[in-house]
Amino acid sequence: MKKLMTAIGLALIAGSVFAALDVYDSVTVKSLGEPKMCTGIQTNIWVDVSGAKGICNLLVNIGPAYTNALDFGASATLKTSATTNGSYVAVTNVSGAGITGTGAVTSIKLDASSLSRYVRLFTVSTNDAASIGAFLLYSK
């Protein structure tokens, strides 16, 4: 009886692990700029997101001011374009709000239909430097 219960328990655990790995495998992760020290206005290289569908999740990390300046400000804006060297326009999240934040990781939901083929992360920091980076997650 103990062997049967152990076998059933292992089967249940294996099934849940497989399900978790299956969900993880169905997500594409695109880096929109590794977290790096940003000063002034900077952009990352374009990223092709032509395979994006459904609701995407943008994770933006804007660190604190490097020298703790009191008048520090920073923002990150996701912009999209049909061509790599085209005119990039700002993307808004599902509720229409822009993508900004400071001092923490921000998770923003986006509709993939609002994205053109290419995206870039445009960052601005004022009166100090900060580490800024982002990742875009979407269904395969």
Protein backbone atom coordinates (compact mmCIF):
# COMPACT_ATOMS: atom_id res chain seq x y z
CA MET A 1 0.00 0.00 0.00
CA LYS A 2 2.85 2.40 0.86
CA LYS A 3 4.45 1.73 -2.53
CA LEU A 4 1.17 2.44 -4.31
CA MET A 5 0.65 5.71 -2.42
CA THR A 6 4.26 6.72 -3.10
CA ALA A 7 3.84 5.96 -6.80
CA ILE A 8 0.62 8.00 -6.96
CA GLY A 9 2.29 10.89 -5.11
CA LEU A 10 5.28 10.86 -7.48
CA ALA A 11 2.95 10.76 -10.48
CA LEU A 12 1.05 13.81 -9.19
CA ILE A 13 4.28 15.72 -8.54
CA ALA A 14 5.67 14.79 -11.98
CA GLY A 15 2.44 15.91 -13.63
CA SER A 16 2.47 19.31 -11.94
CA VAL A 17 6.17 19.83 -12.75
CA PHE A 18 5.52 18.95 -16.39
CA ALA A 19 2.59 21.39 -16.50
CA ALA A 20 4.74 24.17 -15.02
CA LEU A 21 7.52 23.54 -17.54
CA ASP A 22 4.98 23.46 -20.37
CA VAL A 23 3.67 26.91 -19.38
CA TYR A 24 7.21 28.27 -19.13
CA ASP A 25 8.08 26.86 -22.56
CA SER A 26 5.12 28.63 -24.18
CA VAL A 27 6.48 32.13 -23.37
CA THR A 28 8.97 34.10 -25.46
CA VAL A 29 11.24 36.51 -23.57
CA LYS A 30 12.85 39.43 -25.44
CA SER A 31 15.42 41.66 -23.75
CA LEU A 32 14.82 45.35 -24.44
CA GLY A 33 18.07 46.46 -22.92
CA GLU A 34 19.99 44.72 -20.20
CA PRO A 35 19.94 46.80 -17.03
CA LYS A 36 22.77 49.29 -17.50
CA MET A 37 23.70 52.69 -16.19
CA CYS A 38 21.81 55.33 -18.18
CA THR A 39 22.49 59.03 -18.23
CA GLY A 40 20.48 61.54 -20.22
CA ILE A 41 18.53 60.12 -23.17
CA GLN A 42 19.37 56.61 -24.45
CA THR A 43 17.78 53.88 -26.55
CA ASN A 44 18.43 50.20 -27.04
CA ILE A 45 18.74 48.49 -30.41
CA TRP A 46 15.47 47.49 -32.11
CA VAL A 47 13.95 44.12 -31.23
CA ASP A 48 11.79 42.10 -33.66
CA VAL A 49 8.50 41.09 -31.98
CA SER A 50 6.63 39.93 -35.09
CA GLY A 51 5.73 36.66 -33.31
CA ALA A 52 3.98 38.40 -30.42
CA LYS A 53 0.31 37.61 -29.90
CA GLY A 54 -2.32 38.11 -27.24
CA ILE A 55 -1.51 40.05 -24.11
CA CYS A 56 2.19 40.78 -23.55
CA ASN A 57 3.84 41.62 -20.25
CA LEU A 58 6.52 44.31 -20.20
CA LEU A 59 8.81 44.25 -17.15
CA VAL A 60 10.66 47.55 -16.68
CA ASN A 61 13.30 48.07 -14.00
CA ILE A 62 14.36 51.63 -13.19
CA GLY A 63 16.83 51.72 -10.35
CA PRO A 64 17.36 54.51 -7.83
CA ALA A 65 19.58 57.51 -8.45
CA TYR A 66 23.25 56.51 -8.58
CA THR A 67 24.42 59.36 -6.31
CA ASN A 68 21.08 59.77 -4.49
CA ALA A 69 20.32 63.15 -6.07
CA LEU A 70 17.15 64.60 -4.59
CA ASP A 71 15.93 66.05 -7.91
CA PHE A 72 16.49 62.80 -9.83
CA GLY A 73 13.96 61.66 -12.40
CA ALA A 74 13.86 58.69 -14.77
CA SER A 75 11.45 57.09 -17.20
CA ALA A 76 11.33 54.37 -19.81
CA THR A 77 9.05 54.46 -22.84
CA LEU A 78 8.34 51.53 -25.14
CA LYS A 79 8.11 52.66 -28.76
CA THR A 80 7.25 50.70 -31.89
CA SER A 81 7.85 50.98 -35.65
CA ALA A 82 7.14 48.96 -38.80
CA THR A 83 10.79 49.23 -39.90
CA THR A 84 14.08 49.19 -37.99
CA ASN A 85 15.00 52.75 -38.96
CA GLY A 86 11.44 54.07 -39.13
CA SER A 87 9.69 56.58 -36.95
CA TYR A 88 9.12 55.03 -33.51
CA VAL A 89 5.89 55.97 -31.73
CA ALA A 90 5.05 55.41 -28.07
CA VAL A 91 3.06 52.32 -27.08
CA THR A 92 0.44 52.54 -24.36
CA ASN A 93 -0.64 49.72 -22.08
CA VAL A 94 -4.03 48.01 -22.18
CA SER A 95 -5.65 50.83 -20.17
CA GLY A 96 -4.05 53.53 -22.35
CA ALA A 97 -1.46 54.68 -19.81
CA GLY A 98 2.16 55.38 -20.73
CA ILE A 99 5.06 53.32 -19.45
CA THR A 100 6.95 55.13 -16.71
CA GLY A 101 8.25 54.27 -13.29
CA THR A 102 11.17 54.76 -10.95
CA GLY A 103 12.97 52.83 -8.25
CA ALA A 104 11.29 49.47 -8.78
CA VAL A 105 10.21 46.81 -11.24
CA THR A 106 7.02 47.73 -13.05
CA SER A 107 4.87 45.14 -14.83
CA ILE A 108 2.75 46.51 -17.67
CA LYS A 109 0.21 44.59 -19.75
CA LEU A 110 0.18 45.34 -23.49
CA ASP A 111 -1.97 44.10 -26.35
CA ALA A 112 0.30 42.60 -29.02
CA SER A 113 -1.94 44.07 -31.72
CA SER A 114 -0.76 47.54 -30.61
CA LEU A 115 2.83 46.65 -31.55
CA SER A 116 4.39 46.99 -34.97
CA ARG A 117 7.14 44.57 -35.97
CA TYR A 118 9.94 46.34 -34.06
CA VAL A 119 10.14 47.84 -30.57
CA ARG A 120 12.77 49.88 -28.73
CA LEU A 121 13.09 51.10 -25.16
CA PHE A 122 13.73 54.85 -24.90
CA THR A 123 15.05 55.92 -21.49
CA VAL A 124 15.55 59.31 -19.91
CA SER A 125 17.29 60.13 -16.64
CA THR A 126 17.69 63.65 -15.31
CA ASN A 127 20.03 65.07 -12.67
CA ASP A 128 21.66 61.68 -12.04
CA ALA A 129 22.25 58.24 -13.56
CA ALA A 130 20.25 55.06 -12.98
CA SER A 131 20.29 51.43 -14.01
CA ILE A 132 17.43 50.84 -16.48
CA GLY A 133 16.39 47.71 -18.38
CA ALA A 134 13.33 45.83 -19.61
CA PHE A 135 12.03 42.48 -20.84
CA LEU A 136 8.98 41.78 -23.01
CA LEU A 137 7.19 38.44 -22.44
CA TYR A 138 4.59 37.11 -24.85
CA SER A 139 2.94 33.86 -25.94
CA LYS A 140 4.55 31.78 -28.66
